Structures are given as structure tokens and as C-alpha cells.
Protein backbone atom coordinates (compact mmCIF):
# COMPACT_ATOMS: atom_id res chain seq x y z
CA MET A 1 101.23 74.67 117.90
CA LYS A 2 101.19 77.85 118.77
CA TYR A 3 104.99 77.82 117.37
CA LEU A 4 103.74 76.93 113.97
CA SER A 5 100.97 79.68 113.92
CA ARG A 6 103.38 82.24 114.67
CA PHE A 7 105.81 81.42 111.54
CA ALA A 8 102.90 80.20 109.38
CA LEU A 9 102.00 83.06 107.82
CA PRO A 10 105.55 84.70 107.71
CA LEU A 11 106.60 81.42 106.04
CA ALA A 12 103.70 81.62 103.32
CA GLY A 13 104.51 85.01 102.49
CA ALA A 14 108.21 83.94 101.74
CA LEU A 15 107.06 81.24 99.94
CA PHE A 16 105.13 83.79 97.63
CA THR A 17 108.32 85.92 96.96
CA ILE A 18 110.47 82.54 96.13
CA ALA A 19 107.60 81.86 93.64
CA GLY A 20 108.29 84.69 91.69
CA ALA A 21 111.94 84.41 91.98
CA ALA A 22 111.75 81.07 90.79
CA ASN A 23 110.38 82.01 87.84
CA ALA A 24 112.88 85.00 87.08
CA ILE A 25 114.11 85.00 83.44
CA VAL A 26 116.65 87.14 81.38
CA ILE A 27 114.95 89.92 80.18
CA PRO A 28 115.38 90.63 76.23
CA GLY A 29 116.97 94.02 74.91
CA VAL A 30 119.72 94.60 77.38
CA TYR A 31 122.95 95.00 75.46
CA ASN A 32 126.57 95.84 76.80
CA THR A 33 128.31 99.16 75.18
CA GLY A 34 130.10 98.66 71.86
CA LEU A 35 127.33 96.52 70.11
CA GLY A 36 124.52 97.55 67.01
CA VAL A 37 120.97 96.91 66.70
CA GLY A 38 119.89 93.95 68.67
CA GLY A 39 123.09 93.64 70.05
CA THR A 40 124.74 92.89 66.66
CA ALA A 41 128.49 92.78 66.61
CA LEU A 42 129.96 96.02 65.08
CA ALA A 43 132.85 96.25 62.41
CA ALA A 44 136.32 96.78 63.97
CA GLY A 45 137.86 99.92 64.71
CA ASP A 46 136.86 103.46 66.20
CA GLY A 47 133.88 105.49 65.61
CA GLN A 48 131.53 102.70 64.98
CA VAL A 49 128.08 103.49 66.21
CA ASP A 50 126.49 101.84 69.40
CA ALA A 51 122.98 101.83 68.23
CA ASN A 52 122.18 101.19 72.31
CA TYR A 53 123.65 103.99 74.34
CA VAL A 54 122.58 107.16 73.53
CA ILE A 55 123.58 110.95 75.23
CA THR A 56 121.10 112.61 77.29
CA ALA A 57 123.58 115.12 79.12
CA THR A 58 127.04 116.60 78.23
CA ASN A 59 129.15 120.12 78.92
CA THR A 60 131.06 118.90 75.67
CA THR A 61 130.18 120.41 71.82
CA THR A 62 128.71 116.91 71.15
CA PRO A 63 124.79 116.95 70.49
CA VAL A 64 122.58 115.70 73.11
CA GLY A 65 121.20 112.62 71.51
CA SER A 66 124.36 111.35 69.85
CA HIS A 67 125.11 107.86 70.17
CA ALA A 68 128.14 106.34 71.64
CA LEU A 69 130.86 105.41 69.10
CA THR A 70 133.63 102.78 69.70
CA TYR A 71 136.96 103.61 70.88
CA TYR A 72 140.10 102.02 71.90
CA ASN A 73 143.31 103.35 73.61
CA THR A 74 146.13 100.82 74.48
CA ALA A 75 146.19 102.02 77.80
CA TYR A 76 142.54 100.66 78.50
CA LEU A 77 141.65 96.71 79.51
CA GLN A 78 141.39 94.84 76.29
CA ASP A 79 138.00 94.65 74.55
CA GLY A 80 135.85 92.02 74.82
CA PRO A 81 133.84 90.14 72.22
CA LEU A 82 130.63 90.72 73.28
CA SER A 83 131.53 94.19 74.85
CA ARG A 84 133.64 97.58 73.67
CA ILE A 85 134.75 100.43 74.91
CA VAL A 86 133.01 103.48 73.99
CA ASN A 87 133.11 107.30 74.15
CA LEU A 88 131.59 110.66 72.51
CA THR A 89 133.94 111.61 70.09
CA GLY A 90 134.92 107.65 68.79
CA ASP A 91 138.56 109.60 69.36
CA GLY A 92 141.16 110.49 71.94
CA SER A 93 139.87 114.02 72.55
CA GLY A 94 138.66 115.10 75.59
CA ASN A 95 139.33 118.06 78.50
CA ASN A 96 139.78 117.86 81.95
CA GLY A 97 136.48 118.93 83.53
CA ASP A 98 134.05 117.09 80.70
CA VAL A 99 131.21 115.32 82.29
CA THR A 100 128.64 113.37 79.77
CA THR A 101 125.51 110.85 80.45
CA PHE A 102 125.05 108.08 78.31
CA GLU A 103 121.89 106.28 79.11
CA THR A 104 120.60 102.61 77.80
CA THR A 105 117.25 101.69 78.14
CA PHE A 106 114.68 98.70 78.83
CA SER A 107 111.23 97.53 79.14
CA LEU A 108 109.71 95.50 82.06
CA ALA A 109 106.37 95.83 80.59
CA GLY A 110 104.69 92.19 81.49
CA PHE A 111 107.20 91.40 83.98
CA ASP A 112 107.42 91.89 87.85
CA ALA A 113 109.35 94.93 88.44
CA ALA A 114 108.83 94.59 92.10
CA ASN A 115 111.54 91.54 92.41
CA ALA A 116 113.70 92.67 89.25
CA THR A 117 117.59 92.48 89.75
CA LEU A 118 120.34 94.30 87.65
CA SER A 119 123.87 93.34 87.58
CA GLY A 120 127.11 93.94 85.17
CA GLN A 121 130.70 95.18 85.27
CA ALA A 122 131.96 98.69 83.86
CA LEU A 123 134.84 100.64 83.77
CA PHE A 124 135.54 104.47 83.33
CA ASP A 125 137.98 106.86 82.20
CA ASN A 126 138.20 108.43 84.13
CA PHE A 127 135.43 107.75 86.71
CA GLY A 128 131.86 107.62 86.83
CA THR A 129 128.47 106.65 88.72
CA ILE A 130 125.51 104.89 87.39
CA SER A 131 122.09 105.20 88.07
CA LEU A 132 118.84 103.54 87.29
CA ASN A 133 115.88 105.57 86.80
CA GLY A 134 117.41 108.47 88.56
CA ASN A 135 118.72 106.55 91.59
CA THR A 136 122.35 105.69 92.16
CA ILE A 137 123.66 102.28 92.31
CA GLY A 138 126.62 101.22 93.91
CA SER A 139 129.58 103.79 94.58
CA THR A 140 131.86 106.03 91.79
CA ILE A 141 133.83 103.43 89.77
CA THR A 142 137.29 104.41 89.07
CA GLY A 143 140.10 103.33 86.43
CA PHE A 144 140.26 101.65 82.92
CA ASN A 145 142.31 98.99 83.52
CA THR A 146 139.63 96.48 84.97
CA LEU A 147 136.10 95.77 85.00
CA SER A 148 133.97 96.67 88.72
CA PRO A 149 130.53 95.09 89.33
CA PHE A 150 127.44 97.16 89.84
CA GLY A 151 124.08 96.00 90.46
CA THR A 152 120.70 96.57 92.44
CA ASN A 153 117.60 94.38 93.56
CA ALA A 154 116.18 97.41 95.31
CA ASN A 155 113.05 98.87 94.12
CA PHE A 156 114.20 101.13 91.71
CA PHE A 157 112.64 99.48 88.56
CA VAL A 158 109.56 100.47 87.07
CA ALA A 159 106.76 98.45 85.43
CA GLY A 160 107.43 99.93 81.86
CA LEU A 161 110.29 101.67 80.49
CA ASN A 162 113.14 101.78 82.81
CA HIS A 163 116.77 104.23 82.34
CA LEU A 164 120.08 102.97 83.03
CA ASP A 165 122.58 106.01 82.98
CA PHE A 166 126.35 106.18 83.06
CA THR A 167 127.76 109.14 83.96
CA LEU A 168 131.13 109.99 83.35
CA THR A 169 133.67 112.77 84.47
CA ASN A 170 137.02 113.29 82.67
CA THR A 171 140.28 114.59 84.24
CA GLY A 172 142.19 114.80 81.10
CA GLY A 173 142.90 112.86 77.93
CA PRO A 174 140.02 110.79 76.27
CA GLN A 175 136.59 110.13 78.08
CA ALA A 176 135.26 106.39 77.85
CA PHE A 177 133.83 103.51 79.25
CA GLN A 178 132.53 100.33 79.07
CA VAL A 179 129.75 97.87 80.19
CA ALA A 180 130.15 94.29 80.18
CA GLY A 181 127.87 91.34 81.62
CA LEU A 182 125.15 93.22 81.70
CA THR A 183 121.66 91.41 82.70
CA VAL A 184 118.23 92.04 84.06
CA THR A 185 116.08 89.69 85.46
CA ALA A 186 112.61 89.60 86.33
CA ALA A 187 109.66 86.80 86.61
CA ARG A 188 106.58 87.41 84.01
CA LEU A 189 103.34 88.30 85.51
CA PRO A 190 100.33 86.14 84.97
CA VAL A 191 98.59 86.37 82.00
CA GLY A 192 94.66 87.18 82.85
CA GLY A 193 95.16 86.48 86.60
CA VAL A 194 96.65 82.86 86.61
CA PRO A 195 100.02 82.48 87.90
CA GLU A 196 102.23 80.21 86.14
CA PRO A 197 102.77 76.18 87.67
CA THR A 198 105.39 77.12 89.83
CA SER A 199 103.77 79.81 91.35
CA TRP A 200 100.37 77.46 91.91
CA MET A 201 102.33 75.18 94.02
CA LEU A 202 104.04 77.13 96.06
CA MET A 203 100.90 79.42 96.85
CA VAL A 204 99.08 75.99 97.66
CA ALA A 205 101.52 75.18 99.85
CA GLY A 206 101.38 78.54 101.71
CA PHE A 207 97.60 78.45 102.05
CA GLY A 208 98.41 74.83 103.38
CA LEU A 209 100.35 76.20 105.89
CA VAL A 210 97.67 79.40 106.58
CA GLY A 211 95.19 76.93 106.92
CA PHE A 212 96.86 74.44 109.42
CA ALA A 213 98.02 77.15 111.57
CA ALA A 214 94.57 78.30 111.87
CA ARG A 215 93.12 74.71 112.37
CA SER A 216 95.81 74.43 115.56
CA ARG A 217 95.03 78.04 116.77
CA LYS A 218 91.08 76.84 116.75
CA SER A 219 91.85 73.66 118.39
CA THR A 220 94.12 75.19 121.23
CA VAL A 221 91.38 77.61 122.31
CA VAL A 222 88.75 74.94 122.30
CA ALA A 223 91.23 72.58 124.54
CA ALA A 224 91.67 75.72 126.69
């Protein structure tokens, strides 16, 4: 029985973690690039306003606070139906050394930020980095002919408003990027401290293991 008691507490902890993962859902209000308010489709053509990505820093003449604009170049990967390539000007202008940060936000209010996950795909012209609440996630992404995966399940999330930043560096010509398949998941926090049914079942199982281990340990001491 000593072997069971040795593993009972870690196993119970694992069950609690599984309970949160089992209840994870896709967080609403998380959007790819090239979409309008609420993720609606935009009209065709360059210069359409992306309602969900805003410039937070730039060394160009475009004002901070401006929204990303749709822009397509035949050298790029073809736009998808659920995301489009965007930049800061809506045209092909740009200079070597231009650096611009675009930001999108999402809220985890009412969700378990400690066990949230984020994943997606991105391309950059010419290269870029991605950060969540000031923490870099993944490596530098280069190239505009293919989408590269990125994501994190690290403890970079916060309970309220989260900031996801895409910083572009231009080495000449247009400066642009695309985000596709952007997904954030998390479990809802219990309302009034009452866990959801799945959580109850797993927690009861965990408590049962802890109790069984305690009884076994007591029996071992008495027998000795």
C-alpha cells in the first residue's frame, strides 16, 4: 500500500488539472487579421479597415492608434477566406528599417487564465516576432509565402484583458503580415465557487484516492 500512498497525492493533483482541461472552451472575441467588427468579412480590395488590429508602436509616419488595413501583393501567399494580409498603409509603400507593432486584445474575465492556451499561424513581410502581455512566444518568423505556427500554454495569460502583439521589421518594399487560425482556449471559472459537473466527478475521484491512501498508511502503522 505504501506505493499507492506515494502516488495518490500527485495523481489527485493531476486529476484536478485534467478537470480544468476537460472543460476548456474556445474564447470568443479572438480574431484573425483582415476582418471587421465581430469577425465579419470585409469588402474586397486593399485599404479595408481591420477592426481588430491596432498600431501601438511604429517608427513610420503612420499615427499610433491607426487600424491595420488590408493589402495584397501577388508575391504573398493567397489570402484565405477567414483571414487576410494587412499592413499599416493599405498599399505597397515601405522603407528598409520600418518597425511597427500591431496589437489585438482578448479578455479572459470569467475564465481560468492559469490553464489557458493560444495557437495560430502567421506570416511576415519581411520578418516579425509575437508576444503575449510582453512575453515573447516562439521564435522570429520570416517569409511571406507560407504560414508558420506559433502558440503558448505558458503562464503568460492574465485574468482580465490580454495583449497579443505582432512586431514587424521591414527590409525593403511593403511591410505586411497575416494571422490565421488564431485560437485561445480556457476553462470557465466556477460560478459562486461551485465547480462544473465534470470537475466534481474528477475531484471526488481525487479525494477518494487521498482518503484511500490515508487509510492505507494508517493500517500500515497499526500493523507495524
